[in-house]
Amino acid sequence: MPSVDSFNYRSLPALAAYIDRVGAEMLSYRKYIVKERNDAYYLQKAFIRISNYSAINCNTVDHKPTKEEAEAIKEEIKQQNWPKSIGAANLSKL
C-alpha cells in the first residue's frame, strides 16, 4: 500500500470514474470536494467522504453516486488497506 501522501484515487477505476464524473478534487484519500470557482474564491458544491466501512457518502443529491457506482466503489475500497483512526480511549488495547 502506498503512503497516504502518494495515494492516487485513479488507481481505483470505479472511484476514479465517479470522481471525474462529478468533477471533484481530492482532499485526502477519503475526502473529496466539488467546487465552483469564482476568481480567487470558491463555493463548495458537494462534499464526498468514504467511511471506514467503505461506504461512499455525498452531501448533495446532484453529486451522489448511482447505486451501481456506490457498489463498485465499495468493493474496490474493501480491498484497500487504508489506515483507520483509533480513539485515544482505546490506546490501552494496542
Protein backbone atom coordinates (compact mmCIF):
# COMPACT_ATOMS: atom_id res chain seq x y z
CA MET A 1 0.00 0.00 0.00
CA PRO A 2 1.42 3.39 -0.93
CA SER A 3 1.56 6.08 1.70
CA VAL A 4 -1.44 8.34 2.13
CA ASP A 5 0.55 11.25 0.70
CA SER A 6 1.25 9.35 -2.52
CA PHE A 7 -2.21 7.76 -2.89
CA ASN A 8 -3.79 8.38 -6.27
CA TYR A 9 -7.51 7.70 -6.49
CA ARG A 10 -7.01 6.90 -10.18
CA SER A 11 -5.57 3.52 -9.12
CA LEU A 12 -9.20 2.56 -8.32
CA PRO A 13 -11.12 2.65 -11.64
CA ALA A 14 -14.67 2.84 -10.24
CA LEU A 15 -13.74 5.59 -7.76
CA ALA A 16 -11.84 7.48 -10.46
CA ALA A 17 -14.77 7.32 -12.88
CA TYR A 18 -17.17 8.69 -10.24
CA ILE A 19 -14.82 11.45 -9.02
CA ASP A 20 -14.13 12.52 -12.60
CA ARG A 21 -17.85 12.42 -13.49
CA VAL A 22 -18.80 14.83 -10.69
CA GLY A 23 -15.68 16.99 -11.14
CA ALA A 24 -14.39 16.56 -7.59
CA GLU A 25 -10.92 17.32 -6.23
CA MET A 26 -9.11 15.02 -3.82
CA LEU A 27 -8.55 16.45 -0.33
CA SER A 28 -7.33 13.19 1.20
CA TYR A 29 -7.67 9.53 0.34
CA ARG A 30 -11.15 9.52 1.96
CA LYS A 31 -12.36 13.09 1.25
CA TYR A 32 -13.23 14.87 -2.00
CA ILE A 33 -14.84 18.22 -2.78
CA VAL A 34 -16.74 19.62 -5.74
CA LYS A 35 -16.03 23.34 -6.11
CA GLU A 36 -17.44 26.15 -8.19
CA ARG A 37 -14.66 28.67 -8.73
CA ASN A 38 -15.24 32.42 -8.74
CA ASP A 39 -11.98 34.33 -9.19
CA ALA A 40 -9.85 33.72 -6.08
CA TYR A 41 -12.75 32.22 -4.14
CA TYR A 42 -14.78 29.08 -4.48
CA LEU A 43 -18.18 27.81 -3.46
CA GLN A 44 -18.37 24.28 -2.11
CA LYS A 45 -20.97 22.45 -4.18
CA ALA A 46 -20.56 18.97 -2.65
CA PHE A 47 -18.51 17.09 -0.09
CA ILE A 48 -17.78 13.40 -0.65
CA ARG A 49 -16.46 11.12 2.06
CA ILE A 50 -15.53 7.46 2.18
CA SER A 51 -16.33 5.94 5.56
CA ASN A 52 -14.28 3.39 7.48
CA TYR A 53 -16.87 0.85 6.34
CA SER A 54 -16.15 1.52 2.65
CA ALA A 55 -19.42 3.38 2.11
CA ILE A 56 -19.27 6.48 -0.05
CA ASN A 57 -21.37 9.43 1.12
CA CYS A 58 -22.16 12.73 -0.56
CA ASN A 59 -23.99 15.67 0.99
CA THR A 60 -25.92 16.58 -2.18
CA VAL A 61 -28.34 14.58 -4.30
CA ASP A 62 -26.96 16.06 -7.53
CA HIS A 63 -23.47 14.68 -6.91
CA LYS A 64 -24.41 11.43 -5.16
CA PRO A 65 -23.09 8.24 -6.78
CA THR A 66 -25.55 5.94 -8.51
CA LYS A 67 -26.35 2.66 -6.78
CA GLU A 68 -24.09 0.83 -9.26
CA GLU A 69 -21.23 3.30 -8.75
CA ALA A 70 -21.53 3.07 -4.97
CA GLU A 71 -21.46 -0.75 -5.02
CA ALA A 72 -18.46 -0.87 -7.37
CA ILE A 73 -16.56 1.70 -5.29
CA LYS A 74 -17.36 -0.17 -2.07
CA GLU A 75 -15.93 -3.40 -3.49
CA GLU A 76 -12.74 -1.62 -4.63
CA ILE A 77 -12.25 0.11 -1.30
CA LYS A 78 -12.77 -3.09 0.72
CA GLN A 79 -9.57 -4.36 -0.90
CA GLN A 80 -7.53 -1.35 0.26
CA ASN A 81 -5.52 -1.37 3.46
CA TRP A 82 -6.19 2.22 4.45
CA PRO A 83 -5.31 3.49 7.92
CA LYS A 84 -8.11 3.65 10.44
CA SER A 85 -8.34 6.13 13.28
CA ILE A 86 -8.19 4.85 16.83
CA GLY A 87 -9.73 6.88 19.63
CA ALA A 88 -7.41 7.90 22.44
CA ALA A 89 -9.53 5.92 24.88
CA ASN A 90 -8.58 2.74 23.01
CA LEU A 91 -4.79 3.18 23.20
CA SER A 92 -4.51 0.73 26.09
CA LYS A 93 -5.75 -2.04 23.74
CA LEU A 94 -2.77 -1.72 21.41
